[in-house]
Protein backbone atom coordinates (compact mmCIF):
# COMPACT_ATOMS: atom_id res chain seq x y z
CA MET A 1 44.71 110.38 174.98
CA VAL A 2 43.73 106.96 176.34
CA ARG A 3 42.10 106.06 173.00
CA ARG A 4 45.28 106.97 171.12
CA LEU A 5 47.45 104.92 173.46
CA LEU A 6 45.26 101.78 173.35
CA PRO A 7 46.12 100.71 169.77
CA ILE A 8 49.81 101.37 170.44
CA THR A 9 49.65 99.25 173.61
CA LEU A 10 47.92 96.38 171.79
CA LEU A 11 50.41 96.52 168.93
CA THR A 12 53.32 96.46 171.36
CA ALA A 13 51.85 93.42 173.15
CA MET A 14 51.38 91.57 169.86
CA LEU A 15 54.95 92.28 168.76
CA CYS A 16 56.30 91.10 172.10
CA ALA A 17 54.30 87.87 171.85
CA LEU A 18 55.54 87.19 168.32
CA SER A 19 59.16 87.93 169.19
CA ALA A 20 58.95 85.63 172.22
CA GLN A 21 58.24 82.56 170.05
CA PRO A 22 61.65 82.38 168.32
CA ALA A 23 63.34 83.25 171.64
CA PHE A 24 61.51 80.36 173.32
CA ALA A 25 62.63 78.00 170.57
CA GLN A 26 66.22 79.14 171.05
CA SER A 27 66.10 78.66 174.83
CA PHE A 28 64.57 75.17 174.54
CA PRO A 29 64.93 72.85 176.40
CA SER A 30 64.68 74.29 179.87
CA GLN A 31 64.13 70.94 181.65
CA THR A 32 64.16 67.17 181.13
CA VAL A 33 62.70 66.06 177.78
CA ARG A 34 60.70 62.83 177.69
CA ILE A 35 60.34 60.77 174.53
CA VAL A 36 57.35 58.44 174.72
CA VAL A 37 57.61 55.14 172.84
CA PRO A 38 54.13 53.55 172.69
CA TYR A 39 55.58 50.02 172.52
CA PRO A 40 57.45 47.76 174.95
CA ALA A 41 61.17 48.22 175.57
CA GLY A 42 63.61 46.31 173.40
CA GLY A 43 61.94 46.62 170.00
CA SER A 44 63.37 48.49 167.02
CA THR A 45 61.28 51.60 167.80
CA ASP A 46 62.62 51.64 171.33
CA VAL A 47 66.24 51.12 170.22
CA LEU A 48 66.04 53.96 167.70
CA ALA A 49 64.37 56.29 170.22
CA ARG A 50 66.97 55.59 172.91
CA SER A 51 69.91 56.09 170.56
CA LEU A 52 68.43 59.40 169.40
CA ALA A 53 67.68 60.43 173.00
CA ARG A 54 71.31 59.94 174.04
CA GLU A 55 72.56 62.17 171.25
CA LEU A 56 69.89 64.83 171.81
CA SER A 57 70.78 64.94 175.50
CA ALA A 58 74.39 65.74 174.57
CA THR A 59 73.27 68.34 172.03
CA TRP A 60 70.76 70.06 174.33
CA GLY A 61 72.61 69.81 177.62
CA GLN A 62 69.47 68.46 179.30
CA PRO A 63 68.44 64.86 180.12
CA VAL A 64 66.38 63.24 177.37
CA LEU A 65 64.63 60.15 178.72
CA VAL A 66 62.64 57.45 176.94
CA GLU A 67 59.39 56.30 178.53
CA ASN A 68 57.70 53.15 177.24
CA ILE A 69 53.91 53.47 177.46
CA ALA A 70 52.67 50.42 175.59
CA GLY A 71 49.20 49.05 174.97
CA ALA A 72 46.09 49.29 172.81
CA ASP A 73 47.99 49.33 169.51
CA SER A 74 50.07 52.37 170.55
CA THR A 75 47.02 54.52 171.33
CA ILE A 76 47.76 54.87 175.07
CA GLY A 77 51.24 56.31 174.56
CA ALA A 78 50.15 58.47 171.63
CA SER A 79 47.28 59.88 173.70
CA ARG A 80 49.72 60.78 176.50
CA VAL A 81 51.77 62.89 174.09
CA ALA A 82 48.70 64.36 172.37
CA ASN A 83 47.52 65.70 175.74
CA ALA A 84 50.91 66.99 176.87
CA SER A 85 51.89 70.65 176.96
CA PRO A 86 53.04 71.77 173.48
CA ASP A 87 56.37 73.05 174.76
CA GLY A 88 58.63 70.39 173.23
CA HIS A 89 59.44 68.68 176.52
CA THR A 90 57.24 65.67 175.68
CA LEU A 91 57.83 64.01 172.30
CA LEU A 92 56.78 60.78 170.60
CA VAL A 93 58.78 58.27 168.58
CA THR A 94 56.50 55.76 166.92
CA ILE A 95 55.82 53.84 163.73
CA ASP A 96 53.24 54.42 161.02
CA PRO A 97 50.18 52.58 162.46
CA THR A 98 49.82 55.24 165.17
CA VAL A 99 48.79 57.91 162.66
CA ILE A 100 47.93 55.82 159.59
CA GLY A 101 46.49 52.37 160.28
CA ASN A 102 44.76 53.05 163.59
CA ARG A 103 42.35 55.55 162.03
CA PHE A 104 40.98 52.70 159.89
CA LEU A 105 40.92 50.06 162.64
CA PHE A 106 39.18 51.94 165.45
CA LYS A 107 35.84 53.72 165.37
CA LYS A 108 37.08 56.13 168.00
CA LEU A 109 40.64 57.08 168.94
CA PRO A 110 41.67 58.98 172.09
CA TYR A 111 43.59 61.40 169.84
CA ASP A 112 43.13 62.97 166.41
CA PRO A 113 45.91 61.54 164.19
CA ASP A 114 45.85 64.68 162.02
CA LYS A 115 45.61 67.38 164.70
CA SER A 116 46.78 65.98 168.02
CA LEU A 117 50.35 65.25 166.89
CA ALA A 118 52.72 67.61 165.07
CA PRO A 119 55.09 65.85 162.62
CA ILE A 120 58.74 66.76 163.23
CA THR A 121 60.66 64.33 161.04
CA MET A 122 60.37 60.89 159.49
CA LEU A 123 63.49 59.23 160.83
CA ALA A 124 63.74 56.24 158.53
CA ARG A 125 61.61 53.84 156.52
CA SER A 126 61.57 50.72 154.38
CA GLY A 127 59.20 48.67 152.33
CA SER A 128 58.18 45.19 153.47
CA PHE A 129 59.34 41.90 152.02
CA VAL A 130 56.81 39.62 150.40
CA PHE A 131 58.52 36.36 151.33
CA VAL A 132 57.77 32.68 150.83
CA HIS A 133 58.98 29.30 152.03
CA PRO A 134 61.91 28.14 149.85
CA SER A 135 59.86 25.22 148.53
CA VAL A 136 57.23 27.56 147.06
CA PRO A 137 57.84 27.66 143.29
CA ALA A 138 57.00 31.37 143.03
CA ASN A 139 60.09 33.49 142.34
CA ASN A 140 58.19 36.73 141.83
CA LEU A 141 54.76 38.24 142.39
CA ARG A 142 53.43 37.16 139.00
CA ASP A 143 54.25 33.56 139.84
CA LEU A 144 52.47 33.92 143.19
CA VAL A 145 49.36 35.37 141.58
CA GLU A 146 49.26 32.56 139.01
CA MET A 147 49.58 29.98 141.79
CA ALA A 148 46.57 31.55 143.51
CA ARG A 149 44.69 31.58 140.22
CA ARG A 150 45.24 27.86 139.77
CA SER A 151 44.35 27.06 143.40
CA PRO A 152 41.67 29.54 144.53
CA GLY A 153 41.66 30.07 148.30
CA LYS A 154 44.32 27.43 148.94
CA ILE A 155 47.56 29.45 149.04
CA ALA A 156 47.84 30.25 152.75
CA TYR A 157 49.42 33.46 153.96
CA GLY A 158 50.18 34.49 157.52
CA SER A 159 49.63 37.89 159.11
CA VAL A 160 49.61 39.39 162.59
CA GLY A 161 45.98 40.45 162.24
CA ARG A 162 43.53 42.50 160.25
CA GLY A 163 44.78 45.71 158.76
CA THR A 164 48.44 44.71 159.09
CA PRO A 165 50.79 44.78 156.07
CA ALA A 166 50.42 41.12 155.12
CA HIS A 167 46.64 41.26 155.32
CA LEU A 168 46.37 44.48 153.32
CA VAL A 169 48.95 43.53 150.67
CA LEU A 170 47.66 40.02 149.92
CA GLU A 171 43.99 40.97 150.03
CA THR A 172 44.55 44.03 147.83
CA MET A 173 46.45 41.95 145.29
CA GLY A 174 43.75 39.31 145.42
CA LYS A 175 40.97 41.79 144.72
CA ARG A 176 42.86 43.65 141.99
CA GLU A 177 44.02 40.47 140.25
CA GLY A 178 40.83 38.45 140.70
CA VAL A 179 42.37 35.70 142.85
CA SER A 180 41.96 34.63 146.47
CA PHE A 181 44.34 33.60 149.25
CA LEU A 182 43.73 31.85 152.57
CA HIS A 183 44.32 34.16 155.55
CA VAL A 184 45.90 32.66 158.68
CA PRO A 185 46.47 35.16 161.55
CA TYR A 186 49.26 34.76 164.12
CA LYS A 187 49.92 36.43 167.47
CA GLY A 188 53.11 38.29 166.70
CA VAL A 189 55.80 38.69 164.07
CA ALA A 190 58.11 36.01 165.51
CA PRO A 191 55.49 33.21 165.36
CA LEU A 192 54.52 34.41 161.89
CA ILE A 193 58.06 34.17 160.52
CA THR A 194 58.52 30.81 162.22
CA ALA A 195 55.36 29.59 160.48
CA VAL A 196 56.72 30.52 157.04
CA VAL A 197 60.13 28.97 157.80
CA ALA A 198 58.35 25.76 158.92
CA GLY A 199 56.09 25.74 155.87
CA GLU A 200 52.87 26.09 157.88
CA VAL A 201 51.92 28.92 155.51
CA SER A 202 53.37 29.65 152.09
CA VAL A 203 53.75 33.41 152.12
CA SER A 204 53.71 36.51 154.29
CA VAL A 205 54.80 40.14 154.42
CA ALA A 206 57.15 41.67 157.01
CA SER A 207 59.93 44.21 157.34
CA PRO A 208 63.50 43.52 156.18
CA ALA A 209 64.55 44.23 159.76
CA ALA A 210 62.49 41.22 160.91
CA THR A 211 63.21 38.91 157.98
CA GLY A 212 66.53 40.03 156.47
CA ALA A 213 68.62 37.48 158.37
CA MET A 214 66.28 34.67 157.28
CA VAL A 215 66.51 35.84 153.67
CA ARG A 216 70.32 35.91 153.77
CA ALA A 217 70.39 32.43 155.35
CA GLY A 218 68.08 31.02 152.67
CA LYS A 219 65.42 30.04 155.20
CA VAL A 220 62.84 32.15 153.37
CA LYS A 221 62.80 33.63 149.88
CA ALA A 222 62.03 37.32 149.33
CA ILE A 223 60.16 37.73 146.04
CA ALA A 224 59.38 41.47 146.26
CA ILE A 225 59.63 44.55 148.44
CA THR A 226 56.53 46.73 148.79
CA SER A 227 58.03 50.04 147.68
CA PRO A 228 58.50 51.96 144.42
CA THR A 229 62.25 51.22 144.40
CA ARG A 230 64.54 48.42 145.55
CA ALA A 231 66.15 48.40 149.00
CA GLY A 232 69.80 49.42 149.10
CA LEU A 233 70.79 46.39 151.20
CA PHE A 234 68.81 43.94 149.05
CA PRO A 235 69.30 45.12 145.44
CA ASN A 236 68.38 41.71 144.01
CA VAL A 237 64.85 41.81 145.44
CA PRO A 238 62.53 43.54 142.93
CA SER A 239 60.19 46.28 144.05
CA THR A 240 56.47 45.80 143.60
CA ALA A 241 56.67 48.49 140.91
CA ASP A 242 59.38 46.49 139.09
CA SER A 243 57.15 43.44 139.37
CA GLY A 244 54.20 45.08 137.63
CA TYR A 245 52.13 45.80 140.76
CA PRO A 246 52.81 49.51 141.44
CA TYR A 247 49.63 49.82 143.52
CA VAL A 248 51.13 47.55 146.21
CA ILE A 249 52.97 50.07 148.38
CA SER A 250 53.31 49.43 152.11
CA TRP A 251 55.84 51.54 153.98
CA ILE A 252 57.12 50.88 157.47
CA TRP A 253 58.42 54.14 158.89
CA PHE A 254 59.63 55.62 162.17
CA GLY A 255 58.66 59.17 163.04
CA LEU A 256 59.26 61.87 165.64
CA PHE A 257 56.25 63.94 166.76
CA ALA A 258 55.43 66.75 169.19
CA PRO A 259 52.01 67.49 170.70
CA GLY A 260 49.62 69.29 168.38
CA GLY A 261 49.82 73.05 168.80
CA THR A 262 53.60 73.13 169.21
CA SER A 263 54.92 76.28 167.54
CA ALA A 264 56.40 75.98 164.06
CA GLN A 265 59.61 77.59 165.31
CA LEU A 266 60.06 74.96 168.02
CA VAL A 267 59.21 72.11 165.63
CA GLU A 268 61.86 73.45 163.23
CA ARG A 269 64.40 73.70 166.05
CA ILE A 270 63.86 70.09 167.14
CA ASN A 271 63.87 68.96 163.50
CA ARG A 272 67.20 70.69 162.86
CA ASP A 273 68.89 69.07 165.85
CA ALA A 274 67.39 65.60 165.33
CA THR A 275 68.13 65.38 161.60
CA ALA A 276 71.73 66.54 162.15
CA ILE A 277 72.17 63.51 164.42
CA LEU A 278 70.43 61.13 162.02
CA LYS A 279 72.72 62.19 159.18
CA ARG A 280 75.93 61.47 161.06
CA PRO A 281 77.53 58.54 159.16
CA GLU A 282 78.26 56.56 162.31
CA PHE A 283 74.70 57.00 163.62
CA THR A 284 73.18 56.08 160.25
CA ALA A 285 75.31 52.94 159.99
CA LYS A 286 74.64 51.74 163.54
CA TYR A 287 70.97 52.55 164.01
CA ILE A 288 69.45 52.93 160.53
CA THR A 289 71.30 50.77 157.99
CA ALA A 290 71.95 48.02 160.53
CA PHE A 291 68.17 47.60 160.88
CA SER A 292 67.71 47.37 157.08
CA LEU A 293 66.17 50.84 157.01
CA ASP A 294 66.71 53.74 154.65
CA LEU A 295 67.56 57.11 156.18
CA VAL A 296 64.91 59.79 155.55
CA ALA A 297 65.48 62.69 158.01
CA SER A 298 62.69 64.73 156.39
CA THR A 299 61.53 68.26 157.05
CA PRO A 300 58.23 68.68 158.94
CA ALA A 301 56.46 69.65 155.69
CA GLU A 302 57.83 66.61 153.85
CA PHE A 303 56.77 64.36 156.72
CA ALA A 304 53.25 65.80 156.75
CA GLU A 305 52.93 65.25 153.00
CA ALA A 306 54.17 61.66 153.30
CA ILE A 307 51.53 61.00 155.96
CA ARG A 308 48.79 62.38 153.68
CA ALA A 309 49.97 60.14 150.83
CA ASP A 310 50.07 57.09 153.12
CA VAL A 311 46.55 57.75 154.39
CA ALA A 312 45.21 57.83 150.82
CA ASN A 313 47.11 54.69 149.83
CA ILE A 314 46.28 52.65 152.92
CA GLY A 315 42.67 53.81 152.73
CA GLU A 316 42.37 52.13 149.31
CA MET A 317 44.03 48.96 150.59
CA VAL A 318 41.76 48.85 153.64
CA LYS A 319 38.76 49.11 151.33
CA ALA A 320 40.08 46.30 149.14
CA ALA A 321 40.72 44.11 152.19
CA GLY A 322 37.22 44.78 153.55
CA VAL A 323 38.53 45.97 156.93
CA GLN A 324 35.88 47.60 159.11
CA PRO A 325 36.71 49.73 162.17
CA GLU A 326 35.85 48.26 165.55
């Protein structure tokens, strides 16, 4: 009798466990939700996270708080989320280097970028502007490459360090086109843009959010955007694909993650609520378009696939730039 009852008991337990997962997702959240931003307060990542948190709090009927845990190129904050309980009450809003670039820059990370974080949705993204000082005669990428060909190693470009978009884009182009540029690193995006405006360096690469106002004011000249298509807010700036350099793709994106091991049902629940907010016209206009970003609001599967594609692309660029992990 006991032997006959044992399989029935085990089956009942398994069915109860499976049925509890969707129920848990439906009852979420049961307490305060914390969104970790692995960068200082006040930046675009922080602004987007806080605006999303306010709306999620209203949707969920629970406080949703943003906690800035900055340092070590976002690895401290990302590690905090990676080690949190996978119950959806600790989330991460970050940008692409956390799961893309850092794996190529560091020999050892305190989290596994592929397993420790569960992609929920890519919130928004954009390409980066390749921009020059107005006095630079290059009006497109071909002009810039020809300038470098005529003056090997003398066309100076600024970056915010190794493995950053400017470094990867210019070094990849240099290797593929058989030319060389002079690399000048700066400590931060603001000093970098100031250097281009002042003519200290001829060219750099940065997001439209950081440089759009300077482009509109004529203080710098955008000669390309590092994406397959043109940006909606800057239709006159050709994409790198339009320019004949389709291999130069460098996305800047913002993503929402849960700790690795979070159930698929809970990830889907959070995705559904977050993307509904992102797609509200007033939210898109105020927090996405206003920052020169394109709305994405992807599914978890689409986000995971985009990450895989970025890893392959950036891996090739890192190789071309000769970046070694430290």
